[in-house]
Amino acid sequence: MPGSPCLVWLLAVTFSLVPRAQPLAGDSEEEEQDETPLPAVPCDYDRCRHLQVPCQELQRAGPTMCLCPGLSSAAQPPDPPRLGEVRMEAEAGRAVVHWCAPFSPVQQYWLLLWEGAGAPQKGPPLNSTVRRAELKGLKPGGAYVVCVVAANAAGESSVPGAEGLDGAGGPAFGPCGRLTVLPRPLTLLHGAVGVGSALALLSCSALVWHFCLRERWGCPRRGRGAGL
């Protein structure tokens, strides 16, 4: 067919002039946004919060990955916890102790309580989410030393003990502290009544001696000119 080469050439030129399909700008921007990683934020973790969920569990439960505070190696014993507020209830003979977790893997806690120079009393084990515990059976007017101990598979944290604390209550931000239980208000009232009764008895005795017994025992009053 004589006109076929010209027809083929005309079709080739026509297809070359047709613009190729370009992707939509909106689609490309969405793909770039999907590929951009979201900025990591700190996890809602407070090492002083009672019944605090471990940070690793917060990472797995959240919709996005959050950041946990750095921890020491699990192959090492944990650092000492930090003793916090101690709320005394003298009338009930109890105290509520708060503490903050160390930056170490912890499996359990317990409290040590010293009364005098004897061996400490060890409290029951508490799981790693606990940050608060009670001390019961405290004596009114008694002085104690309390320490918080953290433990994991590698060992337990160190405590200075009763002999390692100074009169000010030990080192700042340490695991131990001194407790002084105030006397009960009823005991103070009885003491005040006793002191008042003793003073009243002494006053009455002095008055009786001054007005009655001196003359009976031959101690006459001095006249005004006796000392001249």
N, C-alpha and C. Protein backbone atom coordinates (compact mmCIF):
# COMPACT_ATOMS: atom_id res chain seq x y z
N MET A 1 0.86 -1.19 0.00
CA MET A 1 0.00 0.00 0.00
C MET A 1 0.88 1.22 0.00
N PRO A 2 0.81 2.14 -1.02
CA PRO A 2 1.79 3.20 -1.14
C PRO A 2 1.67 4.25 -0.06
N GLY A 3 0.50 4.52 0.49
CA GLY A 3 0.39 5.58 1.49
C GLY A 3 0.60 5.13 2.90
N SER A 4 0.91 3.85 3.15
CA SER A 4 1.05 3.35 4.52
C SER A 4 2.24 3.92 5.26
N PRO A 5 3.44 4.10 4.69
CA PRO A 5 4.55 4.70 5.46
C PRO A 5 4.20 6.08 5.94
N CYS A 6 3.54 6.86 5.14
CA CYS A 6 3.17 8.23 5.57
C CYS A 6 2.16 8.17 6.71
N LEU A 7 1.26 7.18 6.66
CA LEU A 7 0.26 7.07 7.72
C LEU A 7 0.89 6.66 9.04
N VAL A 8 1.85 5.75 8.98
CA VAL A 8 2.55 5.33 10.20
C VAL A 8 3.32 6.49 10.79
N TRP A 9 3.98 7.25 9.95
CA TRP A 9 4.76 8.39 10.45
C TRP A 9 3.85 9.43 11.08
N LEU A 10 2.66 9.65 10.48
CA LEU A 10 1.71 10.64 11.01
C LEU A 10 1.19 10.19 12.37
N LEU A 11 0.91 8.90 12.53
CA LEU A 11 0.44 8.40 13.83
C LEU A 11 1.52 8.52 14.90
N ALA A 12 2.76 8.26 14.54
CA ALA A 12 3.85 8.36 15.51
C ALA A 12 4.02 9.79 16.00
N VAL A 13 3.95 10.75 15.08
CA VAL A 13 4.08 12.17 15.48
C VAL A 13 2.92 12.56 16.36
N THR A 14 1.71 12.07 16.06
CA THR A 14 0.53 12.44 16.86
C THR A 14 0.64 11.93 18.30
N PHE A 15 1.06 10.68 18.50
CA PHE A 15 1.20 10.13 19.85
C PHE A 15 2.33 10.79 20.63
N SER A 16 3.36 11.25 19.95
CA SER A 16 4.46 11.90 20.65
C SER A 16 4.07 13.26 21.18
N LEU A 17 3.10 13.90 20.54
CA LEU A 17 2.65 15.21 21.00
C LEU A 17 1.66 15.14 22.15
N VAL A 18 1.06 13.97 22.41
CA VAL A 18 0.11 13.83 23.53
C VAL A 18 0.87 13.84 24.86
N PRO A 19 0.55 14.74 25.85
CA PRO A 19 1.29 14.80 27.14
C PRO A 19 1.04 13.55 27.96
N ARG A 20 2.08 13.10 28.58
CA ARG A 20 1.97 11.93 29.45
C ARG A 20 1.22 12.30 30.72
N ALA A 21 0.51 11.31 31.32
CA ALA A 21 -0.26 11.54 32.55
C ALA A 21 0.69 11.75 33.71
N GLN A 22 0.46 12.83 34.47
CA GLN A 22 1.27 13.17 35.64
C GLN A 22 0.48 12.85 36.91
N PRO A 23 1.16 12.39 37.98
CA PRO A 23 0.44 12.13 39.24
C PRO A 23 -0.05 13.41 39.86
N LEU A 24 -1.18 13.33 40.53
CA LEU A 24 -1.74 14.50 41.20
C LEU A 24 -0.83 14.96 42.32
N ALA A 25 -0.78 16.30 42.49
CA ALA A 25 0.08 16.87 43.53
C ALA A 25 -0.39 16.46 44.92
N GLY A 26 -1.72 16.36 45.09
CA GLY A 26 -2.23 15.98 46.40
C GLY A 26 -1.82 14.57 46.80
N ASP A 27 -1.81 13.65 45.85
CA ASP A 27 -1.41 12.29 46.17
C ASP A 27 0.04 12.20 46.61
N SER A 28 0.91 12.95 45.96
CA SER A 28 2.33 12.92 46.33
C SER A 28 2.56 13.49 47.71
N GLU A 29 1.82 14.58 48.06
CA GLU A 29 1.99 15.16 49.39
C GLU A 29 1.53 14.19 50.48
N GLU A 30 0.41 13.46 50.20
CA GLU A 30 -0.05 12.50 51.19
C GLU A 30 0.94 11.38 51.39
N GLU A 31 1.57 10.93 50.28
CA GLU A 31 2.56 9.87 50.43
C GLU A 31 3.75 10.35 51.24
N GLU A 32 4.18 11.61 51.03
CA GLU A 32 5.30 12.13 51.80
C GLU A 32 4.95 12.25 53.26
N GLN A 33 3.70 12.66 53.57
CA GLN A 33 3.31 12.76 54.95
C GLN A 33 3.24 11.40 55.63
N ASP A 34 2.79 10.38 54.88
CA ASP A 34 2.74 9.05 55.47
C ASP A 34 4.12 8.51 55.77
N GLU A 35 5.08 8.87 54.97
CA GLU A 35 6.43 8.36 55.17
C GLU A 35 7.17 9.12 56.26
N THR A 36 6.73 10.34 56.64
CA THR A 36 7.42 11.12 57.66
C THR A 36 7.11 10.55 59.04
N PRO A 37 8.11 10.13 59.84
CA PRO A 37 7.83 9.56 61.16
C PRO A 37 7.33 10.63 62.13
N LEU A 38 6.40 10.22 63.01
CA LEU A 38 5.88 11.13 64.02
C LEU A 38 6.92 11.34 65.11
N PRO A 39 7.03 12.56 65.67
CA PRO A 39 8.00 12.79 66.74
C PRO A 39 7.63 12.02 68.00
N ALA A 40 8.61 11.38 68.62
CA ALA A 40 8.37 10.61 69.84
C ALA A 40 8.20 11.56 71.02
N VAL A 41 7.28 11.21 71.92
CA VAL A 41 7.01 12.01 73.11
C VAL A 41 7.28 11.14 74.34
N PRO A 42 7.58 11.77 75.49
CA PRO A 42 7.78 10.97 76.70
C PRO A 42 6.50 10.25 77.11
N CYS A 43 6.65 9.07 77.65
CA CYS A 43 5.50 8.30 78.13
C CYS A 43 4.93 8.95 79.39
N ASP A 44 3.66 8.71 79.64
CA ASP A 44 3.01 9.22 80.85
C ASP A 44 3.43 8.34 82.03
N TYR A 45 4.67 8.54 82.45
CA TYR A 45 5.27 7.73 83.49
C TYR A 45 5.83 8.63 84.57
N ASP A 46 5.42 8.39 85.82
CA ASP A 46 5.91 9.13 86.99
C ASP A 46 6.46 8.12 87.98
N ARG A 47 7.75 8.17 88.23
CA ARG A 47 8.37 7.16 89.09
C ARG A 47 7.98 7.30 90.55
N CYS A 48 7.28 8.41 90.93
CA CYS A 48 6.80 8.59 92.29
C CYS A 48 5.31 8.29 92.42
N ARG A 49 4.63 7.93 91.34
CA ARG A 49 3.18 7.70 91.36
C ARG A 49 2.89 6.29 91.88
N HIS A 50 1.93 6.23 92.82
CA HIS A 50 1.53 4.94 93.38
C HIS A 50 0.78 4.12 92.33
N LEU A 51 1.08 2.81 92.28
CA LEU A 51 0.49 1.87 91.31
C LEU A 51 0.77 2.33 89.88
N GLN A 52 1.99 2.77 89.63
CA GLN A 52 2.40 3.22 88.30
C GLN A 52 2.66 2.01 87.40
N VAL A 53 2.00 2.00 86.23
CA VAL A 53 2.23 0.93 85.25
C VAL A 53 3.66 1.05 84.71
N PRO A 54 4.40 -0.05 84.56
CA PRO A 54 5.75 0.02 84.00
C PRO A 54 5.76 0.70 82.64
N CYS A 55 6.82 1.42 82.37
CA CYS A 55 6.90 2.22 81.14
C CYS A 55 6.90 1.33 79.90
N GLN A 56 7.48 0.15 79.98
CA GLN A 56 7.49 -0.74 78.82
C GLN A 56 6.07 -1.17 78.43
N GLU A 57 5.20 -1.36 79.42
CA GLU A 57 3.82 -1.69 79.13
C GLU A 57 3.08 -0.50 78.52
N LEU A 58 3.42 0.71 78.95
CA LEU A 58 2.82 1.89 78.35
C LEU A 58 3.21 2.01 76.88
N GLN A 59 4.43 1.64 76.55
CA GLN A 59 4.86 1.69 75.15
C GLN A 59 4.06 0.72 74.28
N ARG A 60 3.81 -0.47 74.81
CA ARG A 60 3.08 -1.46 74.02
C ARG A 60 1.60 -1.14 73.91
N ALA A 61 1.04 -0.47 74.94
CA ALA A 61 -0.40 -0.20 74.94
C ALA A 61 -0.77 1.04 74.16
N GLY A 62 0.16 1.98 73.98
CA GLY A 62 -0.17 3.24 73.33
C GLY A 62 -0.30 3.11 71.82
N PRO A 63 -1.01 4.05 71.18
CA PRO A 63 -1.13 4.01 69.72
C PRO A 63 0.17 4.32 69.01
N THR A 64 1.03 5.11 69.63
CA THR A 64 2.34 5.45 69.06
C THR A 64 3.42 5.14 70.07
N MET A 65 4.63 5.01 69.58
CA MET A 65 5.76 4.71 70.44
C MET A 65 6.13 5.95 71.26
N CYS A 66 6.26 5.77 72.58
CA CYS A 66 6.69 6.87 73.45
C CYS A 66 8.06 6.51 74.04
N LEU A 67 8.66 7.49 74.67
CA LEU A 67 10.01 7.33 75.21
C LEU A 67 9.95 7.05 76.70
N CYS A 68 10.73 6.08 77.16
CA CYS A 68 10.85 5.76 78.57
C CYS A 68 12.17 6.31 79.11
N PRO A 69 12.23 6.63 80.40
CA PRO A 69 13.51 7.08 80.97
C PRO A 69 14.55 5.98 80.92
N GLY A 70 15.80 6.36 80.80
CA GLY A 70 16.86 5.38 80.74
C GLY A 70 17.02 4.62 82.05
N LEU A 71 17.28 3.33 81.95
CA LEU A 71 17.44 2.48 83.12
C LEU A 71 18.82 1.83 83.09
N SER A 72 19.29 1.49 84.27
CA SER A 72 20.56 0.77 84.35
C SER A 72 20.36 -0.67 83.89
N SER A 73 21.44 -1.41 83.82
CA SER A 73 21.38 -2.78 83.32
C SER A 73 20.63 -3.69 84.29
N ALA A 74 19.86 -4.63 83.73
CA ALA A 74 19.16 -5.61 84.57
C ALA A 74 20.11 -6.60 85.21
N ALA A 75 21.36 -6.65 84.76
CA ALA A 75 22.35 -7.53 85.36
C ALA A 75 22.99 -6.93 86.61
N GLN A 76 22.59 -5.74 87.00
CA GLN A 76 23.11 -5.07 88.19
C GLN A 76 22.00 -4.88 89.20
N PRO A 77 22.32 -4.89 90.50
CA PRO A 77 21.30 -4.58 91.52
C PRO A 77 20.76 -3.17 91.31
N PRO A 78 19.52 -2.91 91.65
CA PRO A 78 18.96 -1.57 91.43
C PRO A 78 19.59 -0.52 92.33
N ASP A 79 19.53 0.72 91.88
CA ASP A 79 19.95 1.83 92.72
C ASP A 79 18.96 2.00 93.87
N PRO A 80 19.34 2.66 94.96
CA PRO A 80 18.40 2.84 96.08
C PRO A 80 17.23 3.73 95.67
N PRO A 81 16.02 3.41 96.12
CA PRO A 81 14.90 4.32 95.91
C PRO A 81 15.09 5.59 96.72
N ARG A 82 14.22 6.56 96.47
CA ARG A 82 14.28 7.83 97.21
C ARG A 82 13.07 7.92 98.13
N LEU A 83 13.32 8.02 99.44
CA LEU A 83 12.25 8.14 100.41
C LEU A 83 11.60 9.51 100.28
N GLY A 84 10.28 9.53 100.25
CA GLY A 84 9.54 10.77 100.10
C GLY A 84 8.80 11.15 101.37
N GLU A 85 7.53 11.52 101.23
CA GLU A 85 6.74 11.99 102.36
C GLU A 85 6.42 10.84 103.31
N VAL A 86 6.44 11.14 104.60
CA VAL A 86 6.04 10.20 105.64
C VAL A 86 4.94 10.87 106.47
N ARG A 87 3.72 10.35 106.40
CA ARG A 87 2.59 10.95 107.11
C ARG A 87 2.33 10.15 108.37
N MET A 88 2.46 10.83 109.52
CA MET A 88 2.31 10.18 110.81
C MET A 88 0.87 10.29 111.29
N GLU A 89 0.42 9.23 111.97
CA GLU A 89 -0.86 9.20 112.66
C GLU A 89 -0.59 8.65 114.06
N ALA A 90 -0.25 9.58 114.97
CA ALA A 90 0.20 9.16 116.29
C ALA A 90 -0.90 8.46 117.07
N GLU A 91 -2.14 8.93 116.95
CA GLU A 91 -3.22 8.32 117.71
C GLU A 91 -3.44 6.87 117.31
N ALA A 92 -3.26 6.57 116.02
CA ALA A 92 -3.45 5.19 115.55
C ALA A 92 -2.17 4.38 115.61
N GLY A 93 -1.05 4.99 115.94
CA GLY A 93 0.22 4.26 116.00
C GLY A 93 0.67 3.76 114.65
N ARG A 94 0.47 4.56 113.59
CA ARG A 94 0.83 4.12 112.24
C ARG A 94 1.42 5.29 111.46
N ALA A 95 2.08 4.95 110.37
CA ALA A 95 2.67 5.94 109.47
C ALA A 95 2.54 5.43 108.04
N VAL A 96 2.31 6.33 107.10
CA VAL A 96 2.22 6.01 105.68
C VAL A 96 3.48 6.54 105.01
N VAL A 97 4.24 5.65 104.38
CA VAL A 97 5.54 5.99 103.78
C VAL A 97 5.40 6.02 102.26
N HIS A 98 5.90 7.07 101.63
CA HIS A 98 5.93 7.19 100.17
C HIS A 98 7.38 7.17 99.70
N TRP A 99 7.60 6.70 98.48
CA TRP A 99 8.94 6.72 97.90
C TRP A 99 8.84 6.82 96.38
N CYS A 100 10.00 7.05 95.76
CA CYS A 100 10.12 7.15 94.30
C CYS A 100 11.04 6.04 93.81
N ALA A 101 10.68 5.46 92.66
CA ALA A 101 11.45 4.35 92.11
C ALA A 101 12.79 4.83 91.58
N PRO A 102 13.82 4.00 91.61
CA PRO A 102 15.11 4.37 91.01
C PRO A 102 15.05 4.19 89.49
N PHE A 103 16.07 4.69 88.82
CA PHE A 103 16.19 4.49 87.37
C PHE A 103 16.88 3.15 87.11
N SER A 104 16.24 2.10 87.59
CA SER A 104 16.77 0.74 87.46
C SER A 104 15.60 -0.23 87.32
N PRO A 105 15.82 -1.39 86.71
CA PRO A 105 14.77 -2.42 86.70
C PRO A 105 14.51 -2.93 88.11
N VAL A 106 13.25 -2.92 88.53
CA VAL A 106 12.85 -3.34 89.88
C VAL A 106 11.75 -4.38 89.77
N GLN A 107 11.88 -5.44 90.55
CA GLN A 107 10.86 -6.49 90.60
C GLN A 107 10.00 -6.39 91.85
N GLN A 108 10.57 -5.92 92.96
CA GLN A 108 9.79 -5.80 94.19
C GLN A 108 10.48 -4.83 95.16
N TYR A 109 9.69 -4.39 96.14
CA TYR A 109 10.18 -3.51 97.22
C TYR A 109 9.83 -4.14 98.56
N TRP A 110 10.49 -3.64 99.62
CA TRP A 110 10.06 -3.91 100.98
C TRP A 110 10.64 -2.82 101.89
N LEU A 111 10.10 -2.72 103.11
CA LEU A 111 10.53 -1.73 104.09
C LEU A 111 11.32 -2.41 105.20
N LEU A 112 12.32 -1.70 105.71
CA LEU A 112 13.08 -2.11 106.89
C LEU A 112 12.85 -1.07 107.98
N LEU A 113 12.57 -1.54 109.20
CA LEU A 113 12.26 -0.63 110.31
C LEU A 113 13.15 -0.98 111.50
N TRP A 114 13.91 0.01 111.97
CA TRP A 114 14.76 -0.14 113.15
C TRP A 114 14.11 0.59 114.33
N GLU A 115 14.15 -0.05 115.49
CA GLU A 115 13.78 0.60 116.75
C GLU A 115 14.93 0.37 117.72
N GLY A 116 15.72 1.40 117.92
CA GLY A 116 16.91 1.24 118.74
C GLY A 116 18.04 0.61 117.94
N ALA A 117 18.93 -0.10 118.65
CA ALA A 117 20.12 -0.67 118.01
C ALA A 117 19.95 -2.13 117.63
N GLY A 118 18.75 -2.67 117.71
CA GLY A 118 18.56 -4.07 117.39
C GLY A 118 18.47 -4.33 115.90
N ALA A 119 18.13 -5.56 115.56
CA ALA A 119 17.98 -5.95 114.16
C ALA A 119 16.71 -5.31 113.59
N PRO A 120 16.71 -5.00 112.29
CA PRO A 120 15.52 -4.37 111.70
C PRO A 120 14.39 -5.36 111.49
N GLN A 121 13.18 -4.83 111.45
CA GLN A 121 12.01 -5.61 111.08
C GLN A 121 11.79 -5.45 109.58
N LYS A 122 11.64 -6.57 108.88
CA LYS A 122 11.46 -6.56 107.43
C LYS A 122 9.98 -6.70 107.10
N GLY A 123 9.48 -5.78 106.27
CA GLY A 123 8.09 -5.82 105.87
C GLY A 123 7.85 -6.80 104.75
N PRO A 124 6.59 -7.01 104.37
CA PRO A 124 6.26 -7.96 103.30
C PRO A 124 6.71 -7.43 101.95
N PRO A 125 6.97 -8.32 100.97
CA PRO A 125 7.37 -7.86 99.63
C PRO A 125 6.21 -7.17 98.93
N LEU A 126 6.54 -6.12 98.17
CA LEU A 126 5.57 -5.33 97.41
C LEU A 126 5.97 -5.35 95.94
N ASN A 127 5.00 -5.39 95.04
CA ASN A 127 5.33 -5.47 93.61
C ASN A 127 5.88 -4.15 93.11
N SER A 128 6.35 -4.15 91.87
CA SER A 128 7.10 -3.01 91.33
C SER A 128 6.25 -1.78 91.07
N THR A 129 4.91 -1.89 91.10
CA THR A 129 4.06 -0.73 90.86
C THR A 129 3.78 0.06 92.14
N VAL A 130 4.10 -0.49 93.31
CA VAL A 130 3.75 0.12 94.58
C VAL A 130 4.74 1.23 94.91
N ARG A 131 4.23 2.35 95.41
CA ARG A 131 5.06 3.47 95.88
C ARG A 131 4.63 3.94 97.26
N ARG A 132 3.80 3.18 97.94
CA ARG A 132 3.29 3.60 99.23
C ARG A 132 3.02 2.37 100.09
N ALA A 133 3.34 2.48 101.39
CA ALA A 133 3.12 1.36 102.32
C ALA A 133 2.88 1.93 103.71
N GLU A 134 2.29 1.10 104.58
CA GLU A 134 1.96 1.50 105.94
C GLU A 134 2.88 0.81 106.93
N LEU A 135 3.18 1.56 107.99
CA LEU A 135 3.88 1.01 109.15
C LEU A 135 2.90 1.04 110.32
N LYS A 136 2.68 -0.11 110.94
CA LYS A 136 1.72 -0.20 112.04
C LYS A 136 2.43 -0.61 113.33
N GLY A 137 1.74 -0.40 114.44
CA GLY A 137 2.28 -0.79 115.73
C GLY A 137 3.36 0.12 116.26
N LEU A 138 3.40 1.38 115.82
CA LEU A 138 4.41 2.32 116.33
C LEU A 138 4.01 2.81 117.72
N LYS A 139 4.99 2.92 118.59
CA LYS A 139 4.73 3.30 119.98
C LYS A 139 4.74 4.82 120.12
N PRO A 140 3.81 5.39 120.88
CA PRO A 140 3.83 6.85 121.10
C PRO A 140 5.12 7.28 121.78
N GLY A 141 5.73 8.32 121.25
CA GLY A 141 7.00 8.79 121.78
C GLY A 141 8.21 8.02 121.32
N GLY A 142 8.03 7.01 120.46
CA GLY A 142 9.15 6.19 120.00
C GLY A 142 9.90 6.83 118.84
N ALA A 143 11.16 6.44 118.66
CA ALA A 143 12.02 6.92 117.58
C ALA A 143 12.43 5.72 116.72
N TYR A 144 12.28 5.85 115.41
CA TYR A 144 12.52 4.75 114.49
C TYR A 144 13.36 5.24 113.31
N VAL A 145 13.91 4.26 112.58
CA VAL A 145 14.57 4.49 111.29
C VAL A 145 13.92 3.57 110.28
N VAL A 146 13.47 4.13 109.15
CA VAL A 146 12.81 3.35 108.10
C VAL A 146 13.60 3.49 106.81
N CYS A 147 13.75 2.39 106.07
CA CYS A 147 14.46 2.38 104.80
C CYS A 147 13.62 1.62 103.77
N VAL A 148 13.71 2.05 102.51
CA VAL A 148 13.04 1.39 101.40
C VAL A 148 14.10 0.62 100.60
N VAL A 149 13.82 -0.64 100.30
CA VAL A 149 14.76 -1.49 99.57
C VAL A 149 14.11 -1.92 98.26
N ALA A 150 14.85 -1.81 97.16
CA ALA A 150 14.42 -2.29 95.84
C ALA A 150 15.25 -3.51 95.47
N ALA A 151 14.65 -4.47 94.77
CA ALA A 151 15.35 -5.71 94.42
C ALA A 151 14.95 -6.16 93.03
N ASN A 152 15.89 -6.85 92.37
CA ASN A 152 15.62 -7.53 91.10
C ASN A 152 16.39 -8.85 91.10
N ALA A 153 16.49 -9.49 89.95
CA ALA A 153 17.13 -10.80 89.88
C ALA A 153 18.62 -10.73 90.21
N ALA A 154 19.23 -9.55 90.06
CA ALA A 154 20.67 -9.42 90.31
C ALA A 154 21.00 -9.11 91.76
N GLY A 155 20.03 -8.72 92.55
CA GLY A 155 20.31 -8.38 93.95
C GLY A 155 19.37 -7.31 94.45
N GLU A 156 19.76 -6.66 95.54
CA GLU A 156 18.95 -5.63 96.17
C GLU A 156 19.76 -4.36 96.36
N SER A 157 19.06 -3.25 96.52
CA SER A 157 19.73 -1.97 96.70
C SER A 157 20.33 -1.88 98.09
N SER A 158 21.31 -1.01 98.22
CA SER A 158 22.01 -0.85 99.48
C SER A 158 21.28 0.13 100.39
N VAL A 159 21.42 -0.05 101.71
CA VAL A 159 20.85 0.85 102.70
C VAL A 159 21.93 1.15 103.74
N PRO A 160 21.99 2.40 104.24
CA PRO A 160 23.00 2.71 105.26
C PRO A 160 22.67 2.10 106.61
N GLY A 161 21.39 1.84 106.92
CA GLY A 161 21.04 1.29 108.21
C GLY A 161 20.95 2.35 109.28
N ALA A 162 20.58 1.94 110.47
CA ALA A 162 20.38 2.88 111.57
C ALA A 162 21.67 3.57 111.97
N GLU A 163 22.80 2.85 111.95
CA GLU A 163 24.05 3.45 112.38
C GLU A 163 24.62 4.40 111.34
N GLY A 164 24.14 4.34 110.09
CA GLY A 164 24.66 5.22 109.04
C GLY A 164 23.93 6.52 108.88
N LEU A 165 22.91 6.76 109.71
CA LEU A 165 22.14 8.00 109.63
C LEU A 165 22.60 8.95 110.72
N ASP A 166 22.72 10.21 110.35
CA ASP A 166 23.10 11.21 111.34
C ASP A 166 21.85 11.75 112.01
N GLY A 167 22.04 12.71 112.89
CA GLY A 167 20.92 13.29 113.61
C GLY A 167 19.96 14.04 112.73
N ALA A 168 20.40 14.48 111.56
CA ALA A 168 19.52 15.23 110.66
C ALA A 168 18.64 14.33 109.83
N GLY A 169 18.81 13.01 109.91
CA GLY A 169 17.94 12.11 109.15
C GLY A 169 18.62 11.45 107.99
N GLY A 170 19.96 11.55 107.88
CA GLY A 170 20.65 10.84 106.81
C GLY A 170 20.86 11.71 105.59
N PRO A 171 21.44 11.15 104.53
CA PRO A 171 21.73 11.92 103.33
C PRO A 171 20.46 12.36 102.62
N ALA A 172 20.55 13.49 101.91
CA ALA A 172 19.39 14.00 101.18
C ALA A 172 19.04 13.06 100.03
N PHE A 173 17.77 12.89 99.80
CA PHE A 173 17.26 12.05 98.71
C PHE A 173 17.72 10.60 98.85
N GLY A 174 17.90 10.13 100.06
CA GLY A 174 18.33 8.76 100.26
C GLY A 174 17.14 7.85 100.51
N PRO A 175 17.42 6.54 100.71
CA PRO A 175 16.33 5.58 100.91
C PRO A 175 15.86 5.49 102.35
N CYS A 176 16.49 6.20 103.29
CA CYS A 176 16.18 6.04 104.71
C CYS A 176 15.84 7.39 105.34
N GLY A 177 15.21 7.31 106.49
CA GLY A 177 14.87 8.51 107.25
C GLY A 177 14.48 8.13 108.67
N ARG A 178 14.52 9.12 109.55
CA ARG A 178 14.16 8.92 110.95
C ARG A 178 12.71 9.31 111.18
N LEU A 179 12.03 8.54 112.02
CA LEU A 179 10.64 8.80 112.40
C LEU A 179 10.57 8.99 113.90
N THR A 180 9.87 10.02 114.33
CA THR A 180 9.61 10.25 115.75
C THR A 180 8.11 10.34 115.93
N VAL A 181 7.57 9.41 116.69
CA VAL A 181 6.13 9.37 116.93
C VAL A 181 5.82 10.26 118.13
N LEU A 182 4.96 11.24 117.93
CA LEU A 182 4.60 12.14 119.01
C LEU A 182 3.73 11.42 120.03
N PRO A 183 3.80 11.83 121.31
CA PRO A 183 2.90 11.23 122.30
C PRO A 183 1.45 11.52 121.96
N ARG A 184 0.58 10.65 122.39
CA ARG A 184 -0.82 10.84 122.13
C ARG A 184 -1.35 12.04 122.90
N PRO A 185 -2.34 12.75 122.37
CA PRO A 185 -2.89 13.91 123.09
C PRO A 185 -3.41 13.57 124.47
N LEU A 186 -3.99 12.37 124.65
CA LEU A 186 -4.48 11.98 125.96
C LEU A 186 -3.35 11.84 126.96
N THR A 187 -2.21 11.34 126.48
CA THR A 187 -1.04 11.21 127.36
C THR A 187 -0.54 12.58 127.78
N LEU A 188 -0.52 13.53 126.86
CA LEU A 188 -0.11 14.89 127.20
C LEU A 188 -1.07 15.52 128.22
N LEU A 189 -2.35 15.25 128.05
CA LEU A 189 -3.33 15.79 128.99
C LEU A 189 -3.12 15.23 130.39
N HIS A 190 -2.86 13.92 130.46
CA HIS A 190 -2.61 13.33 131.76
C HIS A 190 -1.34 13.91 132.39
N GLY A 191 -0.32 14.14 131.57
CA GLY A 191 0.90 14.73 132.11
C GLY A 191 0.68 16.14 132.62
N ALA A 192 -0.10 16.92 131.87
CA ALA A 192 -0.38 18.29 132.31
C ALA A 192 -1.19 18.30 133.60
N VAL A 193 -2.17 17.38 133.71
CA VAL A 193 -2.95 17.30 134.94
C VAL A 193 -2.08 16.90 136.12
N GLY A 194 -1.15 15.97 135.89
CA GLY A 194 -0.27 15.55 136.96
C GLY A 194 0.64 16.67 137.44
N VAL A 195 1.21 17.42 136.50
CA VAL A 195 2.07 18.54 136.88
C VAL A 195 1.28 19.60 137.62
N GLY A 196 0.06 19.89 137.14
CA GLY A 196 -0.76 20.88 137.83
C GLY A 196 -1.14 20.45 139.23
N SER A 197 -1.44 19.17 139.39
CA SER A 197 -1.79 18.67 140.72
C SER A 197 -0.60 18.77 141.67
N ALA A 198 0.59 18.45 141.16
CA ALA A 198 1.78 18.54 142.01
C ALA A 198 2.04 19.98 142.44
N LEU A 199 1.90 20.93 141.52
CA LEU A 199 2.11 22.33 141.88
C LEU A 199 1.07 22.81 142.88
N ALA A 200 -0.19 22.38 142.70
CA ALA A 200 -1.22 22.78 143.65
C ALA A 200 -0.94 22.21 145.03
N LEU A 201 -0.47 20.97 145.12
CA LEU A 201 -0.16 20.35 146.41
C LEU A 201 0.98 21.08 147.10
N LEU A 202 2.01 21.46 146.33
CA LEU A 202 3.11 22.20 146.92
C LEU A 202 2.66 23.56 147.44
N SER A 203 1.79 24.22 146.69
CA SER A 203 1.30 25.53 147.12
C SER A 203 0.51 25.41 148.42
N CYS A 204 -0.37 24.40 148.50
CA CYS A 204 -1.14 24.19 149.72
C CYS A 204 -0.25 23.88 150.91
N SER A 205 0.78 23.07 150.67
CA SER A 205 1.71 22.74 151.76
C SER A 205 2.43 23.98 152.26
N ALA A 206 2.83 24.85 151.35
CA ALA A 206 3.51 26.07 151.77
C ALA A 206 2.59 26.98 152.58
N LEU A 207 1.33 27.06 152.18
CA LEU A 207 0.38 27.90 152.92
C LEU A 207 0.12 27.33 154.31
N VAL A 208 -0.06 26.01 154.41
CA VAL A 208 -0.28 25.40 155.72
C VAL A 208 0.91 25.63 156.64
N TRP A 209 2.12 25.47 156.11
CA TRP A 209 3.32 25.73 156.91
C TRP A 209 3.40 27.17 157.37
N HIS A 210 3.03 28.07 156.49
CA HIS A 210 3.17 29.49 156.82
C HIS A 210 2.17 29.94 157.88
N PHE A 211 0.95 29.46 157.82
CA PHE A 211 -0.08 29.99 158.70
C PHE A 211 -0.32 29.14 159.94
N CYS A 212 -0.03 27.86 159.90
CA CYS A 212 -0.40 26.99 161.03
C CYS A 212 0.79 26.38 161.74
N LEU A 213 1.63 25.70 161.01
CA LEU A 213 2.64 24.87 161.65
C LEU A 213 3.80 25.67 162.24
N ARG A 214 4.07 26.84 161.72
CA ARG A 214 5.20 27.60 162.27
C ARG A 214 4.99 27.94 163.73
N GLU A 215 3.80 28.45 164.09
CA GLU A 215 3.54 28.81 165.48
C GLU A 215 3.43 27.58 166.37
N ARG A 216 2.84 26.48 165.82
CA ARG A 216 2.70 25.27 166.62
C ARG A 216 4.04 24.67 166.96
N TRP A 217 5.00 24.75 166.05
CA TRP A 217 6.33 24.16 166.29
C TRP A 217 7.32 25.14 166.91
N GLY A 218 6.82 26.27 167.39
CA GLY A 218 7.69 27.20 168.09
C GLY A 218 8.51 28.06 167.18
N CYS A 219 7.95 28.48 166.09
CA CYS A 219 8.64 29.38 165.18
C CYS A 219 7.84 30.67 165.12
N PRO A 220 7.92 31.52 166.16
CA PRO A 220 7.12 32.76 166.16
C PRO A 220 7.58 33.69 165.07
N ARG A 221 6.64 34.55 164.70
CA ARG A 221 6.97 35.53 163.68
C ARG A 221 7.89 36.60 164.24
N ARG A 222 8.78 37.09 163.44
CA ARG A 222 9.70 38.12 163.86
C ARG A 222 9.00 39.48 163.91
N GLY A 223 9.35 40.24 164.86
CA GLY A 223 8.82 41.58 164.93
C GLY A 223 9.57 42.49 163.97
N ARG A 224 9.03 43.72 163.89
CA ARG A 224 9.65 44.64 162.95
C ARG A 224 11.03 45.09 163.42
N GLY A 225 11.25 45.16 164.70
CA GLY A 225 12.54 45.64 165.20
C GLY A 225 13.53 44.56 165.52
N ALA A 226 13.19 43.33 165.17
CA ALA A 226 14.10 42.24 165.53
C ALA A 226 15.40 42.31 164.77
N GLY A 227 15.34 42.83 163.61
CA GLY A 227 16.58 42.85 162.83
C GLY A 227 17.39 44.09 163.01
N LEU A 228 16.95 45.05 163.91
CA LEU A 228 17.70 46.28 164.12
C LEU A 228 18.77 46.11 165.15
